[in-house]
Protein backbone atom coordinates (compact mmCIF):
# COMPACT_ATOMS: atom_id res chain seq x y z
CA MET A 1 95.77 -161.58 151.55
CA ALA A 2 99.34 -161.25 152.67
CA TYR A 3 102.52 -161.82 150.68
CA CYS A 4 105.86 -163.42 151.44
CA TYR A 5 109.08 -162.23 149.81
CA HIS A 6 111.90 -164.74 149.46
CA ILE A 7 115.35 -164.74 147.88
CA GLU A 8 116.90 -168.17 147.44
CA ALA A 9 120.44 -167.13 148.35
CA ASN A 10 122.14 -170.27 147.05
CA ARG A 11 120.51 -169.84 143.65
CA CYS A 12 121.55 -166.17 143.33
CA LYS A 13 124.76 -165.46 141.41
CA GLY A 14 124.99 -161.86 142.63
CA CYS A 15 124.60 -160.20 139.23
CA GLY A 16 122.97 -157.15 140.86
CA LEU A 17 120.18 -156.70 138.29
CA CYS A 18 117.53 -156.80 141.02
CA VAL A 19 119.47 -154.25 143.05
CA MET A 20 119.64 -151.88 140.07
CA VAL A 21 115.93 -152.03 139.20
CA CYS A 22 114.42 -151.87 142.70
CA PRO A 23 112.47 -148.58 142.80
CA LYS A 24 112.69 -148.34 146.60
CA LYS A 25 116.37 -149.40 146.90
CA VAL A 26 115.41 -152.29 149.16
CA LEU A 27 117.98 -154.76 147.86
CA GLU A 28 121.75 -154.94 148.32
CA LEU A 29 124.43 -157.52 147.67
CA SER A 30 125.59 -159.46 150.71
CA ASP A 31 129.16 -159.37 151.99
CA GLN A 32 128.97 -163.13 152.63
CA VAL A 33 129.32 -165.73 149.89
CA ASN A 34 126.73 -168.41 149.19
CA THR A 35 127.50 -172.09 148.58
CA MET A 36 128.31 -171.32 144.94
CA GLY A 37 130.87 -168.66 145.86
CA TYR A 38 128.76 -165.64 144.87
CA PHE A 39 127.63 -162.63 146.91
CA PRO A 40 123.82 -162.97 146.81
CA ALA A 41 121.22 -160.23 146.97
CA TYR A 42 119.22 -159.71 150.15
CA GLN A 43 116.56 -157.35 151.45
CA ALA A 44 118.49 -154.70 153.36
CA ARG A 45 115.33 -152.66 154.00
CA PRO A 46 112.37 -155.09 153.84
CA GLU A 47 110.02 -152.56 155.43
CA ASP A 48 110.38 -150.37 152.31
CA CYS A 49 109.42 -153.15 149.87
CA ILE A 50 106.25 -152.39 147.89
CA LEU A 51 106.06 -155.92 146.40
CA CYS A 52 106.18 -154.57 142.83
CA ALA A 53 107.92 -157.81 141.65
CA ILE A 54 110.27 -155.99 139.27
CA CYS A 55 113.14 -157.85 140.94
CA CYS A 56 111.42 -161.17 140.27
CA THR A 57 111.02 -160.28 136.61
CA MET A 58 114.64 -159.18 136.22
CA CYS A 59 116.28 -162.11 138.02
CA PRO A 60 117.90 -164.37 135.37
CA ASP A 61 118.29 -167.15 137.95
CA VAL A 62 114.66 -167.11 139.16
CA ALA A 63 116.01 -166.77 142.69
CA ILE A 64 113.42 -164.23 143.90
CA ARG A 65 109.76 -164.91 144.46
CA ILE A 66 106.76 -163.27 146.04
CA THR A 67 104.03 -165.65 147.09
CA GLU A 68 100.52 -165.07 148.31
CA THR A 69 99.60 -166.50 151.68
CA THR A 70 96.65 -166.35 154.01
CA ASP A 71 96.68 -163.61 156.61
CA ASP A 72 97.11 -166.08 159.48
CA ALA A 73 99.94 -168.07 157.88
CA PRO A 74 103.37 -166.59 158.63
CA CYS A 75 106.06 -166.35 155.98
CA PRO A 76 108.64 -169.10 156.15
CA PRO A 77 111.89 -168.12 157.87
CA ARG A 78 114.58 -166.63 155.65
């Protein structure tokens, strides 16, 4: 199985909790605002992500998710 990582940028309020807890320092806060006026988190180094889901657990806005997909189904565009 493969996994898709997704941050719903317009749901993120840019609190930075996910950035602080990421063991591989994959996440950063964007320099562009979302529709709510916040600077959302994004994967600055997606190739370093180990899919530990600590960011998903810490996100108070439930803006981050990791979903399982079949090997032949690509992840939806970000």
